């Protein structure tokens, strides 16, 4: 069997799962030894790094890299998943956020912070995946982790906060949105998310998934980096 080796930078659009992207490349290469370096939720777009062949052994190295995201947090609304894909559990009519309160809340969510892990996540507890427990309406334990968050920029427009955030590995931007809503008092949910960077790898150097799907084998091999 022909072996393929390298790194493939993919710009995923909203909709497909990270595993869907891996399957597309596996089908094109007819090669199974392919993995990704960090899940990107279906509702999110942006950089997904695929490791091919022996490069899959570098997965833990890539997973430790910092990430850079841009997105929008909607205030005055809460969902059970902490993003727009979930069920709305709270809504504030005519939400008029106080910019000074938002600013002070963002300061509390900067640096080394403890964040709550979303119950609809792939994190495991005693061998059980949290989102599977949540979908079965079973008790989901409150799990937290220490992360580092740097708000590179943010802006308030009506009831939405646009942002660019650099964060350590394992950070849930959905959790930051949720925590901001709690601190502000209006509730909040993540409206959109785009991953711009993983370590020094930038989405501008990635191949759009829709273009990748059209590529033949020779074209695909040319964009796999060593």
N, C-alpha and C. Protein backbone atom coordinates (compact mmCIF):
# COMPACT_ATOMS: atom_id res chain seq x y z
N UNK A 1 0.85 -1.20 0.00
CA UNK A 1 0.00 0.00 0.00
C UNK A 1 0.88 1.25 0.00
N UNK A 2 0.55 2.19 -0.84
CA UNK A 2 1.28 3.46 -0.87
C UNK A 2 1.05 4.22 0.41
N UNK A 3 2.14 4.76 0.98
CA UNK A 3 2.01 5.53 2.20
C UNK A 3 2.12 7.02 1.89
N UNK A 4 1.32 7.80 2.59
CA UNK A 4 1.36 9.25 2.46
C UNK A 4 1.77 9.84 3.79
N UNK A 5 2.56 10.90 3.76
CA UNK A 5 3.06 11.53 4.97
C UNK A 5 2.91 13.04 4.88
N UNK A 6 2.61 13.66 6.01
CA UNK A 6 2.62 15.11 6.03
C UNK A 6 1.51 15.76 6.81
N UNK A 7 1.40 17.07 6.62
CA UNK A 7 0.42 17.91 7.29
C UNK A 7 -0.47 18.56 6.25
N UNK A 8 -1.77 18.53 6.48
CA UNK A 8 -2.70 19.17 5.57
C UNK A 8 -3.51 20.21 6.33
N UNK A 9 -3.41 21.45 5.89
CA UNK A 9 -4.15 22.55 6.51
C UNK A 9 -5.46 22.74 5.74
N UNK A 10 -6.57 22.62 6.46
CA UNK A 10 -7.89 22.71 5.84
C UNK A 10 -8.68 23.87 6.46
N UNK A 11 -9.33 24.65 5.61
CA UNK A 11 -10.24 25.71 6.07
C UNK A 11 -11.66 25.13 5.98
N UNK A 12 -12.14 24.66 7.13
CA UNK A 12 -13.47 24.03 7.18
C UNK A 12 -14.57 25.09 7.21
N UNK A 13 -15.61 24.87 6.43
CA UNK A 13 -16.76 25.76 6.50
C UNK A 13 -17.74 25.23 7.55
N UNK A 14 -18.71 26.04 7.88
CA UNK A 14 -19.70 25.66 8.88
C UNK A 14 -20.53 24.48 8.36
N UNK A 15 -20.77 23.51 9.22
CA UNK A 15 -21.62 22.36 8.85
C UNK A 15 -20.96 21.03 9.10
N UNK A 16 -19.88 20.70 8.36
CA UNK A 16 -19.25 19.39 8.54
C UNK A 16 -18.58 19.27 9.91
N UNK A 17 -18.49 18.04 10.39
CA UNK A 17 -17.73 17.78 11.61
C UNK A 17 -16.26 17.62 11.25
N UNK A 18 -15.40 17.66 12.26
CA UNK A 18 -13.98 17.45 12.02
C UNK A 18 -13.75 16.04 11.46
N UNK A 19 -14.52 15.07 11.96
CA UNK A 19 -14.38 13.69 11.48
C UNK A 19 -14.83 13.57 10.02
N UNK A 20 -15.82 14.37 9.62
CA UNK A 20 -16.25 14.38 8.21
C UNK A 20 -15.08 14.77 7.30
N UNK A 21 -14.30 15.76 7.74
CA UNK A 21 -13.16 16.23 6.95
C UNK A 21 -12.12 15.13 6.84
N UNK A 22 -11.85 14.46 7.94
CA UNK A 22 -10.90 13.35 7.92
C UNK A 22 -11.37 12.27 6.95
N UNK A 23 -12.65 11.95 6.97
CA UNK A 23 -13.20 10.92 6.08
C UNK A 23 -13.06 11.30 4.61
N UNK A 24 -13.24 12.58 4.30
CA UNK A 24 -13.10 13.04 2.91
C UNK A 24 -11.69 12.79 2.41
N UNK A 25 -10.69 13.13 3.24
CA UNK A 25 -9.30 12.95 2.84
C UNK A 25 -8.93 11.47 2.80
N UNK A 26 -9.44 10.69 3.73
CA UNK A 26 -9.19 9.24 3.71
C UNK A 26 -9.71 8.62 2.42
N UNK A 27 -10.88 9.05 2.00
CA UNK A 27 -11.49 8.51 0.78
C UNK A 27 -10.65 8.88 -0.45
N UNK A 28 -10.15 10.11 -0.49
CA UNK A 28 -9.37 10.55 -1.65
C UNK A 28 -8.02 9.85 -1.73
N UNK A 29 -7.39 9.66 -0.56
CA UNK A 29 -6.07 9.03 -0.54
C UNK A 29 -6.15 7.50 -0.50
N UNK A 30 -7.35 6.98 -0.16
CA UNK A 30 -7.51 5.54 0.06
C UNK A 30 -6.50 5.09 1.12
N UNK A 31 -6.45 5.88 2.19
CA UNK A 31 -5.45 5.69 3.22
C UNK A 31 -6.08 6.03 4.56
N UNK A 32 -5.99 5.14 5.54
CA UNK A 32 -6.73 5.32 6.79
C UNK A 32 -5.97 6.08 7.88
N UNK A 33 -4.64 6.06 7.81
CA UNK A 33 -3.87 6.63 8.92
C UNK A 33 -3.86 8.16 8.83
N UNK A 34 -4.98 8.76 9.18
CA UNK A 34 -5.15 10.22 9.15
C UNK A 34 -5.92 10.63 10.40
N UNK A 35 -5.48 11.69 11.03
CA UNK A 35 -6.18 12.21 12.20
C UNK A 35 -6.12 13.73 12.22
N UNK A 36 -6.88 14.34 13.12
CA UNK A 36 -6.81 15.80 13.24
C UNK A 36 -6.23 16.18 14.60
N UNK A 37 -5.86 17.44 14.75
CA UNK A 37 -5.13 17.87 15.94
C UNK A 37 -6.00 18.60 16.96
N UNK A 38 -7.30 18.64 16.73
CA UNK A 38 -8.19 19.33 17.66
C UNK A 38 -9.53 19.58 17.01
N UNK A 39 -10.58 19.13 17.66
CA UNK A 39 -11.93 19.20 17.10
C UNK A 39 -12.38 20.64 16.89
N UNK A 40 -13.04 20.84 15.77
CA UNK A 40 -13.70 22.11 15.47
C UNK A 40 -15.19 21.79 15.33
N UNK A 41 -16.01 22.39 16.19
CA UNK A 41 -17.44 22.09 16.20
C UNK A 41 -18.08 22.32 14.83
N UNK A 42 -19.15 21.59 14.50
CA UNK A 42 -19.83 21.77 13.21
C UNK A 42 -20.25 23.22 12.95
N UNK A 43 -20.67 23.95 14.00
CA UNK A 43 -21.12 25.33 13.81
C UNK A 43 -19.96 26.31 13.59
N UNK A 44 -18.73 25.84 13.78
CA UNK A 44 -17.55 26.69 13.63
C UNK A 44 -16.88 26.47 12.28
N UNK A 45 -16.14 27.47 11.86
CA UNK A 45 -15.36 27.36 10.63
C UNK A 45 -13.89 27.62 10.96
N UNK A 46 -13.04 27.44 9.97
CA UNK A 46 -11.64 27.80 10.16
C UNK A 46 -10.67 26.65 10.10
N UNK A 47 -9.52 26.88 10.69
CA UNK A 47 -8.37 25.99 10.53
C UNK A 47 -8.53 24.64 11.23
N UNK A 48 -8.34 23.59 10.45
CA UNK A 48 -8.29 22.23 10.96
C UNK A 48 -7.02 21.61 10.39
N UNK A 49 -6.16 21.12 11.27
CA UNK A 49 -4.91 20.51 10.82
C UNK A 49 -5.06 19.00 10.81
N UNK A 50 -4.81 18.40 9.65
CA UNK A 50 -4.83 16.94 9.53
C UNK A 50 -3.41 16.41 9.50
N UNK A 51 -3.17 15.34 10.22
CA UNK A 51 -1.87 14.67 10.24
C UNK A 51 -2.01 13.35 9.49
N UNK A 52 -1.08 13.11 8.59
CA UNK A 52 -1.17 11.96 7.70
C UNK A 52 0.03 11.04 7.87
N UNK A 53 -0.25 9.75 7.94
CA UNK A 53 0.82 8.76 8.07
C UNK A 53 1.52 8.84 9.41
N UNK A 54 2.87 8.79 9.40
CA UNK A 54 3.64 8.81 10.64
C UNK A 54 3.49 10.13 11.38
N UNK A 55 2.99 11.16 10.70
CA UNK A 55 2.79 12.47 11.36
C UNK A 55 1.70 12.40 12.43
N UNK A 56 0.89 11.35 12.41
CA UNK A 56 -0.14 11.20 13.45
C UNK A 56 0.50 11.04 14.83
N UNK A 57 1.75 10.63 14.88
CA UNK A 57 2.45 10.48 16.16
C UNK A 57 2.75 11.84 16.80
N UNK A 58 2.61 12.92 16.01
CA UNK A 58 2.87 14.27 16.52
C UNK A 58 1.61 14.93 17.08
N UNK A 59 0.52 14.17 17.17
CA UNK A 59 -0.76 14.75 17.56
C UNK A 59 -0.70 15.49 18.90
N UNK A 60 -0.08 14.87 19.90
CA UNK A 60 -0.04 15.50 21.23
C UNK A 60 0.72 16.82 21.19
N UNK A 61 1.73 16.92 20.35
CA UNK A 61 2.50 18.16 20.20
C UNK A 61 1.61 19.28 19.65
N UNK A 62 0.84 18.96 18.62
CA UNK A 62 -0.04 19.96 18.02
C UNK A 62 -1.18 20.34 18.97
N UNK A 63 -1.67 19.38 19.72
CA UNK A 63 -2.79 19.64 20.62
C UNK A 63 -2.44 20.61 21.74
N UNK A 64 -1.16 20.72 22.06
CA UNK A 64 -0.72 21.62 23.12
C UNK A 64 -0.56 23.07 22.65
N UNK A 65 -0.66 23.30 21.36
CA UNK A 65 -0.45 24.64 20.81
C UNK A 65 -1.59 25.59 21.16
N UNK A 66 -1.24 26.88 21.32
CA UNK A 66 -2.26 27.91 21.54
C UNK A 66 -3.11 28.05 20.28
N UNK A 67 -4.33 28.58 20.46
CA UNK A 67 -5.26 28.79 19.35
C UNK A 67 -5.65 30.28 19.28
N UNK A 68 -6.00 30.73 18.09
CA UNK A 68 -6.51 32.09 17.89
C UNK A 68 -7.87 31.98 17.21
N UNK A 69 -8.88 32.61 17.82
CA UNK A 69 -10.25 32.55 17.30
C UNK A 69 -10.82 33.96 17.12
N UNK A 70 -11.76 34.07 16.19
CA UNK A 70 -12.60 35.25 16.10
C UNK A 70 -14.04 34.77 16.14
N UNK A 71 -14.95 35.64 16.55
CA UNK A 71 -16.34 35.22 16.61
C UNK A 71 -17.25 36.28 17.17
N UNK A 72 -18.49 35.86 17.45
CA UNK A 72 -19.51 36.77 17.98
C UNK A 72 -20.24 36.09 19.13
N UNK A 73 -20.40 36.82 20.22
CA UNK A 73 -21.17 36.36 21.37
C UNK A 73 -22.47 37.16 21.42
N UNK A 74 -23.59 36.47 21.46
CA UNK A 74 -24.89 37.14 21.53
C UNK A 74 -25.34 37.22 22.99
N UNK A 75 -25.57 38.43 23.47
CA UNK A 75 -26.04 38.64 24.83
C UNK A 75 -27.56 38.56 24.89
N UNK A 76 -28.08 38.28 26.08
CA UNK A 76 -29.52 38.24 26.26
C UNK A 76 -30.16 36.94 25.83
N UNK A 77 -29.34 35.90 25.70
CA UNK A 77 -29.85 34.61 25.23
C UNK A 77 -28.98 33.49 25.77
N UNK A 78 -29.60 32.42 26.24
CA UNK A 78 -28.87 31.25 26.71
C UNK A 78 -29.42 30.00 26.04
N UNK A 79 -28.51 29.07 25.70
CA UNK A 79 -28.92 27.77 25.17
C UNK A 79 -28.27 26.68 26.01
N UNK A 80 -28.79 25.47 25.89
CA UNK A 80 -28.23 24.38 26.70
C UNK A 80 -26.84 23.94 26.26
N UNK A 81 -26.48 24.26 25.00
CA UNK A 81 -25.15 23.90 24.50
C UNK A 81 -24.18 25.07 24.55
N UNK A 82 -24.69 26.24 24.93
CA UNK A 82 -23.90 27.49 25.00
C UNK A 82 -23.49 28.00 23.62
N UNK A 83 -24.14 27.50 22.57
CA UNK A 83 -23.98 28.06 21.23
C UNK A 83 -25.34 28.03 20.53
N UNK A 84 -25.39 28.51 19.29
CA UNK A 84 -26.66 28.67 18.59
C UNK A 84 -27.27 27.35 18.12
N UNK A 85 -26.53 26.27 18.29
CA UNK A 85 -27.03 24.96 17.87
C UNK A 85 -27.98 24.34 18.91
N UNK A 86 -27.96 24.90 20.12
CA UNK A 86 -28.71 24.29 21.20
C UNK A 86 -30.12 24.81 21.38
N UNK A 87 -30.79 24.27 22.39
CA UNK A 87 -32.15 24.67 22.74
C UNK A 87 -32.11 25.94 23.58
N UNK A 88 -32.93 26.93 23.20
CA UNK A 88 -32.98 28.18 23.94
C UNK A 88 -33.65 27.93 25.30
N UNK A 89 -32.94 28.29 26.38
CA UNK A 89 -33.49 28.09 27.72
C UNK A 89 -33.74 29.42 28.44
N UNK A 90 -33.27 30.49 27.85
CA UNK A 90 -33.51 31.81 28.44
C UNK A 90 -33.35 32.88 27.37
N UNK A 91 -34.22 33.87 27.39
CA UNK A 91 -34.13 34.96 26.44
C UNK A 91 -34.56 36.25 27.14
N UNK A 92 -33.76 37.30 26.97
CA UNK A 92 -34.05 38.59 27.59
C UNK A 92 -34.55 39.54 26.51
N UNK A 93 -35.78 40.03 26.69
CA UNK A 93 -36.35 40.96 25.70
C UNK A 93 -35.69 42.33 25.82
N UNK A 94 -35.44 42.94 24.68
CA UNK A 94 -34.84 44.28 24.64
C UNK A 94 -33.57 44.38 25.48
N UNK A 95 -32.68 43.44 25.25
CA UNK A 95 -31.42 43.41 25.99
C UNK A 95 -30.57 44.64 25.65
N UNK A 96 -30.23 45.41 26.66
CA UNK A 96 -29.42 46.62 26.48
C UNK A 96 -28.19 46.52 27.40
N UNK A 97 -27.14 45.86 26.92
CA UNK A 97 -25.97 45.62 27.76
C UNK A 97 -25.22 46.90 28.13
N UNK A 98 -24.67 46.91 29.33
CA UNK A 98 -23.87 48.02 29.84
C UNK A 98 -22.41 47.77 29.45
N UNK A 99 -21.84 48.63 28.62
CA UNK A 99 -20.49 48.40 28.11
C UNK A 99 -19.45 48.37 29.23
N UNK A 100 -19.67 49.15 30.29
CA UNK A 100 -18.71 49.15 31.40
C UNK A 100 -18.75 47.82 32.15
N UNK A 101 -19.94 47.26 32.27
CA UNK A 101 -20.06 45.97 32.94
C UNK A 101 -19.44 44.88 32.08
N UNK A 102 -19.60 44.98 30.77
CA UNK A 102 -18.99 44.02 29.87
C UNK A 102 -17.46 44.12 29.96
N UNK A 103 -16.96 45.33 29.99
CA UNK A 103 -15.51 45.54 30.09
C UNK A 103 -14.94 44.94 31.37
N UNK A 104 -15.61 45.17 32.49
CA UNK A 104 -15.13 44.62 33.77
C UNK A 104 -15.24 43.10 33.78
N UNK A 105 -16.28 42.56 33.13
CA UNK A 105 -16.45 41.11 33.06
C UNK A 105 -15.36 40.47 32.20
N UNK A 106 -15.02 41.12 31.09
CA UNK A 106 -13.96 40.61 30.22
C UNK A 106 -12.62 40.58 30.95
N UNK A 107 -12.38 41.58 31.80
CA UNK A 107 -11.14 41.59 32.59
C UNK A 107 -11.07 40.38 33.51
N UNK A 108 -12.24 39.97 34.04
CA UNK A 108 -12.29 38.80 34.91
C UNK A 108 -12.07 37.50 34.13
N UNK A 109 -12.32 37.57 32.83
CA UNK A 109 -12.16 36.40 31.96
C UNK A 109 -10.87 36.48 31.15
N UNK A 110 -9.89 37.17 31.69
CA UNK A 110 -8.59 37.34 31.04
C UNK A 110 -7.48 36.75 31.90
N UNK A 111 -6.49 36.16 31.24
CA UNK A 111 -5.38 35.55 31.96
C UNK A 111 -5.68 34.11 32.32
N UNK A 112 -5.12 33.64 33.42
CA UNK A 112 -5.39 32.27 33.88
C UNK A 112 -6.74 32.24 34.58
N UNK A 113 -7.68 31.51 34.02
CA UNK A 113 -9.03 31.43 34.59
C UNK A 113 -9.45 29.97 34.72
N UNK A 114 -10.45 29.75 35.55
CA UNK A 114 -11.06 28.43 35.67
C UNK A 114 -12.37 28.47 34.90
N UNK A 115 -12.50 27.61 33.92
CA UNK A 115 -13.74 27.60 33.14
C UNK A 115 -14.46 26.26 33.29
N UNK A 116 -15.79 26.37 33.23
CA UNK A 116 -16.63 25.19 33.31
C UNK A 116 -16.69 24.53 31.93
N UNK A 117 -16.53 23.21 31.90
CA UNK A 117 -16.59 22.49 30.64
C UNK A 117 -18.05 22.30 30.24
N UNK A 118 -18.42 22.62 29.00
CA UNK A 118 -19.82 22.44 28.57
C UNK A 118 -20.27 20.99 28.73
N UNK A 119 -21.51 20.82 29.17
CA UNK A 119 -22.01 19.44 29.32
C UNK A 119 -22.19 18.77 27.97
N UNK A 120 -22.39 19.59 26.93
CA UNK A 120 -22.44 19.02 25.58
C UNK A 120 -21.05 19.15 24.97
N UNK A 121 -20.15 18.28 25.40
CA UNK A 121 -18.78 18.26 24.90
C UNK A 121 -18.30 16.82 24.85
N UNK A 122 -17.15 16.62 24.19
CA UNK A 122 -16.61 15.27 24.02
C UNK A 122 -15.71 14.86 25.18
N UNK A 123 -15.63 15.70 26.21
CA UNK A 123 -14.82 15.37 27.39
C UNK A 123 -15.43 14.14 28.09
N UNK A 124 -14.56 13.27 28.58
CA UNK A 124 -15.04 12.05 29.24
C UNK A 124 -14.89 12.13 30.75
N UNK A 125 -15.84 11.52 31.45
CA UNK A 125 -15.82 11.42 32.90
C UNK A 125 -16.12 9.98 33.28
N UNK A 126 -15.12 9.32 33.89
CA UNK A 126 -15.26 7.91 34.26
C UNK A 126 -15.69 7.06 33.07
N UNK A 127 -15.06 7.34 31.92
CA UNK A 127 -15.32 6.56 30.72
C UNK A 127 -16.56 6.95 29.94
N UNK A 128 -17.31 7.92 30.47
CA UNK A 128 -18.55 8.36 29.80
C UNK A 128 -18.35 9.72 29.15
N UNK A 129 -18.76 9.85 27.90
CA UNK A 129 -18.68 11.13 27.21
C UNK A 129 -19.79 12.05 27.69
N UNK A 130 -19.45 13.29 28.03
CA UNK A 130 -20.43 14.20 28.63
C UNK A 130 -21.66 14.41 27.76
N UNK A 131 -21.46 14.64 26.46
CA UNK A 131 -22.62 14.94 25.62
C UNK A 131 -23.57 13.74 25.50
N UNK A 132 -23.01 12.53 25.62
CA UNK A 132 -23.87 11.35 25.57
C UNK A 132 -24.72 11.25 26.84
N UNK A 133 -24.13 11.62 27.97
CA UNK A 133 -24.90 11.64 29.22
C UNK A 133 -26.00 12.70 29.14
N UNK A 134 -25.64 13.87 28.59
CA UNK A 134 -26.61 14.97 28.49
C UNK A 134 -27.78 14.60 27.59
N UNK A 135 -27.49 13.95 26.48
CA UNK A 135 -28.55 13.57 25.54
C UNK A 135 -29.47 12.49 26.11
N UNK A 136 -28.96 11.74 27.07
CA UNK A 136 -29.79 10.72 27.72
C UNK A 136 -30.49 11.27 28.96
N UNK A 137 -30.36 12.60 29.15
CA UNK A 137 -30.96 13.28 30.31
C UNK A 137 -30.45 12.73 31.64
N UNK A 138 -29.19 12.28 31.64
CA UNK A 138 -28.57 11.82 32.87
C UNK A 138 -27.81 12.97 33.51
N UNK A 139 -27.49 12.79 34.79
CA UNK A 139 -26.76 13.84 35.50
C UNK A 139 -25.35 13.99 34.92
N UNK A 140 -25.02 15.22 34.54
CA UNK A 140 -23.70 15.51 34.00
C UNK A 140 -22.89 16.23 35.07
N UNK A 141 -21.76 15.67 35.47
CA UNK A 141 -20.96 16.30 36.52
C UNK A 141 -20.41 17.66 36.09
N UNK A 142 -20.27 18.56 37.05
CA UNK A 142 -19.66 19.87 36.77
C UNK A 142 -18.15 19.71 36.76
N UNK A 143 -17.56 19.79 35.59
CA UNK A 143 -16.11 19.67 35.44
C UNK A 143 -15.53 21.02 35.06
N UNK A 144 -14.36 21.33 35.59
CA UNK A 144 -13.70 22.61 35.30
C UNK A 144 -12.25 22.36 34.91
N UNK A 145 -11.66 23.32 34.25
CA UNK A 145 -10.24 23.24 33.94
C UNK A 145 -9.63 24.64 33.93
N UNK A 146 -8.35 24.70 34.16
CA UNK A 146 -7.63 25.97 34.14
C UNK A 146 -7.13 26.23 32.73
N UNK A 147 -7.42 27.42 32.21
CA UNK A 147 -6.99 27.79 30.86
C UNK A 147 -6.45 29.22 30.90
N UNK A 148 -5.79 29.62 29.83
CA UNK A 148 -5.29 30.99 29.70
C UNK A 148 -5.97 31.67 28.53
N UNK A 149 -6.52 32.85 28.78
CA UNK A 149 -7.29 33.57 27.76
C UNK A 149 -6.76 34.98 27.59
N UNK A 150 -6.55 35.38 26.35
CA UNK A 150 -6.12 36.74 26.03
C UNK A 150 -7.07 37.33 25.00
N UNK A 151 -7.81 38.34 25.39
CA UNK A 151 -8.70 39.04 24.46
C UNK A 151 -7.86 40.01 23.63
N UNK A 152 -7.64 39.69 22.37
CA UNK A 152 -6.83 40.56 21.51
C UNK A 152 -7.61 41.82 21.14
N UNK A 153 -8.92 41.66 20.95
CA UNK A 153 -9.80 42.79 20.70
C UNK A 153 -11.25 42.36 20.91
N UNK A 154 -12.09 43.35 21.21
CA UNK A 154 -13.52 43.08 21.30
C UNK A 154 -14.29 44.38 21.05
N UNK A 155 -15.51 44.24 20.54
CA UNK A 155 -16.37 45.39 20.25
C UNK A 155 -17.82 45.03 20.54
N UNK A 156 -18.55 46.00 21.07
CA UNK A 156 -19.98 45.80 21.34
C UNK A 156 -20.80 46.48 20.26
N UNK A 157 -21.71 45.73 19.66
CA UNK A 157 -22.62 46.26 18.65
C UNK A 157 -24.03 45.79 18.99
N UNK A 158 -24.84 46.71 19.52
CA UNK A 158 -26.17 46.36 20.03
C UNK A 158 -26.03 45.30 21.13
N UNK A 159 -26.54 44.09 20.88
CA UNK A 159 -26.47 43.05 21.91
C UNK A 159 -25.47 41.95 21.53
N UNK A 160 -24.48 42.30 20.71
CA UNK A 160 -23.49 41.32 20.28
C UNK A 160 -22.07 41.82 20.53
N UNK A 161 -21.24 40.91 21.01
CA UNK A 161 -19.83 41.22 21.26
C UNK A 161 -19.00 40.45 20.24
N UNK A 162 -18.34 41.18 19.34
CA UNK A 162 -17.41 40.53 18.42
C UNK A 162 -16.04 40.49 19.10
N UNK A 163 -15.25 39.48 18.81
CA UNK A 163 -13.99 39.31 19.53
C UNK A 163 -12.94 38.60 18.70
N UNK A 164 -11.69 38.77 19.14
CA UNK A 164 -10.58 37.92 18.72
C UNK A 164 -9.89 37.49 20.00
N UNK A 165 -9.76 36.18 20.20
CA UNK A 165 -9.22 35.64 21.44
C UNK A 165 -8.10 34.65 21.13
N UNK A 166 -6.98 34.82 21.84
CA UNK A 166 -5.92 33.83 21.83
C UNK A 166 -6.04 33.04 23.13
N UNK A 167 -5.96 31.73 23.05
CA UNK A 167 -6.18 30.93 24.26
C UNK A 167 -5.32 29.67 24.24
N UNK A 168 -5.17 29.11 25.42
CA UNK A 168 -4.39 27.88 25.57
C UNK A 168 -5.19 26.68 25.09
N UNK A 169 -4.50 25.58 24.91
CA UNK A 169 -5.14 24.34 24.48
C UNK A 169 -6.21 23.92 25.48
N UNK A 170 -7.31 23.41 24.97
CA UNK A 170 -8.38 22.92 25.84
C UNK A 170 -9.41 23.96 26.22
N UNK A 171 -9.24 25.19 25.73
CA UNK A 171 -10.19 26.26 26.04
C UNK A 171 -11.47 26.09 25.22
N UNK A 172 -12.60 26.23 25.88
CA UNK A 172 -13.88 26.23 25.18
C UNK A 172 -14.36 27.67 25.06
N UNK A 173 -14.45 28.17 23.82
CA UNK A 173 -14.94 29.54 23.61
C UNK A 173 -16.42 29.61 23.98
N UNK A 174 -17.14 28.51 23.81
CA UNK A 174 -18.54 28.46 24.25
C UNK A 174 -18.66 28.75 25.74
N UNK A 175 -17.71 28.23 26.50
CA UNK A 175 -17.70 28.43 27.94
C UNK A 175 -17.42 29.89 28.28
N UNK A 176 -16.51 30.52 27.54
CA UNK A 176 -16.23 31.94 27.75
C UNK A 176 -17.48 32.76 27.49
N UNK A 177 -18.20 32.44 26.41
CA UNK A 177 -19.44 33.14 26.10
C UNK A 177 -20.45 32.99 27.23
N UNK A 178 -20.58 31.76 27.72
CA UNK A 178 -21.52 31.48 28.81
C UNK A 178 -21.14 32.25 30.07
N UNK A 179 -19.85 32.21 30.42
CA UNK A 179 -19.39 32.89 31.62
C UNK A 179 -19.57 34.41 31.51
N UNK A 180 -19.36 34.94 30.32
CA UNK A 180 -19.57 36.38 30.11
C UNK A 180 -21.04 36.72 30.38
N UNK A 181 -21.94 35.89 29.89
CA UNK A 181 -23.36 36.12 30.10
C UNK A 181 -23.75 36.09 31.57
N UNK A 182 -23.12 35.18 32.32
CA UNK A 182 -23.38 35.09 33.75
C UNK A 182 -22.89 36.35 34.46
N UNK A 183 -21.69 36.79 34.12
CA UNK A 183 -21.11 37.95 34.78
C UNK A 183 -21.87 39.24 34.43
N UNK A 184 -22.29 39.36 33.19
CA UNK A 184 -23.03 40.55 32.75
C UNK A 184 -24.45 40.53 33.30
N UNK A 185 -24.98 39.31 33.50
CA UNK A 185 -26.32 39.17 34.07
C UNK A 185 -27.42 38.96 33.06
N UNK A 186 -27.09 39.05 31.79
CA UNK A 186 -28.11 38.92 30.74
C UNK A 186 -28.16 37.53 30.13
N UNK A 187 -27.14 36.71 30.46
CA UNK A 187 -27.00 35.45 29.75
C UNK A 187 -26.35 35.71 28.39
N UNK A 188 -25.73 34.70 27.81
CA UNK A 188 -25.10 34.86 26.50
C UNK A 188 -24.87 33.50 25.88
N UNK A 189 -24.74 33.50 24.58
CA UNK A 189 -24.42 32.27 23.86
C UNK A 189 -23.50 32.59 22.69
N UNK A 190 -22.73 31.61 22.26
CA UNK A 190 -21.80 31.81 21.15
C UNK A 190 -22.56 31.76 19.83
N UNK A 191 -22.52 32.87 19.09
CA UNK A 191 -23.27 32.96 17.83
C UNK A 191 -22.47 32.43 16.65
N UNK A 192 -21.18 32.75 16.61
CA UNK A 192 -20.34 32.28 15.51
C UNK A 192 -18.90 32.16 15.99
N UNK A 193 -18.14 31.29 15.32
CA UNK A 193 -16.76 31.06 15.71
C UNK A 193 -15.93 30.65 14.50
N UNK A 194 -14.73 31.23 14.43
CA UNK A 194 -13.80 30.88 13.36
C UNK A 194 -12.40 30.74 13.95
N UNK A 195 -11.76 29.60 13.69
CA UNK A 195 -10.39 29.40 14.18
C UNK A 195 -9.41 29.92 13.15
N UNK A 196 -8.59 30.87 13.58
CA UNK A 196 -7.66 31.54 12.68
C UNK A 196 -6.27 30.91 12.70
N UNK A 197 -5.83 30.48 13.89
CA UNK A 197 -4.48 29.94 14.00
C UNK A 197 -4.42 28.80 15.01
N UNK A 198 -3.48 27.88 14.75
CA UNK A 198 -3.07 26.86 15.71
C UNK A 198 -1.56 26.95 15.76
N UNK A 199 -1.01 27.39 16.90
CA UNK A 199 0.43 27.65 16.95
C UNK A 199 0.79 28.71 15.92
N UNK A 200 1.74 28.40 15.05
CA UNK A 200 2.14 29.34 13.99
C UNK A 200 1.44 29.06 12.66
N UNK A 201 0.56 28.08 12.63
CA UNK A 201 -0.16 27.73 11.40
C UNK A 201 -1.40 28.60 11.27
N UNK A 202 -1.55 29.25 10.11
CA UNK A 202 -2.64 30.22 9.89
C UNK A 202 -3.61 29.71 8.84
N UNK A 203 -4.88 30.06 9.06
CA UNK A 203 -5.93 29.62 8.14
C UNK A 203 -5.73 30.18 6.73
N UNK A 204 -5.03 31.31 6.61
CA UNK A 204 -4.79 31.89 5.28
C UNK A 204 -3.95 30.96 4.39
N UNK A 205 -3.23 30.04 5.02
CA UNK A 205 -2.41 29.10 4.27
C UNK A 205 -3.11 27.76 4.04
N UNK A 206 -4.36 27.68 4.46
CA UNK A 206 -5.11 26.42 4.36
C UNK A 206 -5.89 26.33 3.04
N UNK A 207 -6.26 25.10 2.70
CA UNK A 207 -7.09 24.84 1.52
C UNK A 207 -8.55 24.80 1.96
N UNK A 208 -9.40 25.57 1.27
CA UNK A 208 -10.82 25.55 1.59
C UNK A 208 -11.37 24.15 1.37
N UNK A 209 -12.19 23.68 2.30
CA UNK A 209 -12.73 22.32 2.21
C UNK A 209 -13.48 22.10 0.90
N UNK A 210 -14.23 23.09 0.46
CA UNK A 210 -14.99 22.94 -0.80
C UNK A 210 -14.05 22.76 -1.98
N UNK A 211 -12.88 23.40 -1.95
CA UNK A 211 -11.90 23.23 -3.02
C UNK A 211 -11.23 21.86 -2.90
N UNK A 212 -10.96 21.46 -1.68
CA UNK A 212 -10.33 20.16 -1.46
C UNK A 212 -11.21 19.03 -1.99
N UNK A 213 -12.51 19.17 -1.80
CA UNK A 213 -13.44 18.13 -2.27
C UNK A 213 -13.40 17.95 -3.78
N UNK A 214 -13.01 19.01 -4.51
CA UNK A 214 -12.95 18.95 -5.98
C UNK A 214 -11.62 18.42 -6.50
N UNK A 215 -10.61 18.33 -5.62
CA UNK A 215 -9.27 17.96 -6.06
C UNK A 215 -9.15 16.48 -6.42
N UNK A 216 -8.31 16.22 -7.43
CA UNK A 216 -7.95 14.83 -7.71
C UNK A 216 -6.74 14.47 -6.85
N UNK A 217 -6.27 13.26 -6.93
CA UNK A 217 -5.20 12.79 -6.06
C UNK A 217 -3.93 13.62 -6.21
N UNK A 218 -3.52 13.89 -7.46
CA UNK A 218 -2.28 14.65 -7.69
C UNK A 218 -2.38 16.05 -7.10
N UNK A 219 -3.54 16.69 -7.25
CA UNK A 219 -3.73 18.04 -6.72
C UNK A 219 -3.69 18.03 -5.20
N UNK A 220 -4.26 17.01 -4.61
CA UNK A 220 -4.27 16.90 -3.16
C UNK A 220 -2.86 16.69 -2.61
N UNK A 221 -2.09 15.84 -3.26
CA UNK A 221 -0.73 15.56 -2.80
C UNK A 221 0.14 16.80 -2.81
N UNK A 222 -0.15 17.74 -3.71
CA UNK A 222 0.66 18.97 -3.82
C UNK A 222 0.43 19.92 -2.64
N UNK A 223 -0.70 19.79 -1.95
CA UNK A 223 -0.97 20.71 -0.83
C UNK A 223 -0.68 20.07 0.53
N UNK A 224 -0.22 18.84 0.54
CA UNK A 224 0.20 18.20 1.78
C UNK A 224 1.64 18.63 2.06
N UNK A 225 1.85 19.24 3.23
CA UNK A 225 3.15 19.79 3.58
C UNK A 225 3.96 18.76 4.37
N UNK A 226 5.27 18.80 4.20
CA UNK A 226 6.18 17.92 4.95
C UNK A 226 6.75 18.67 6.15
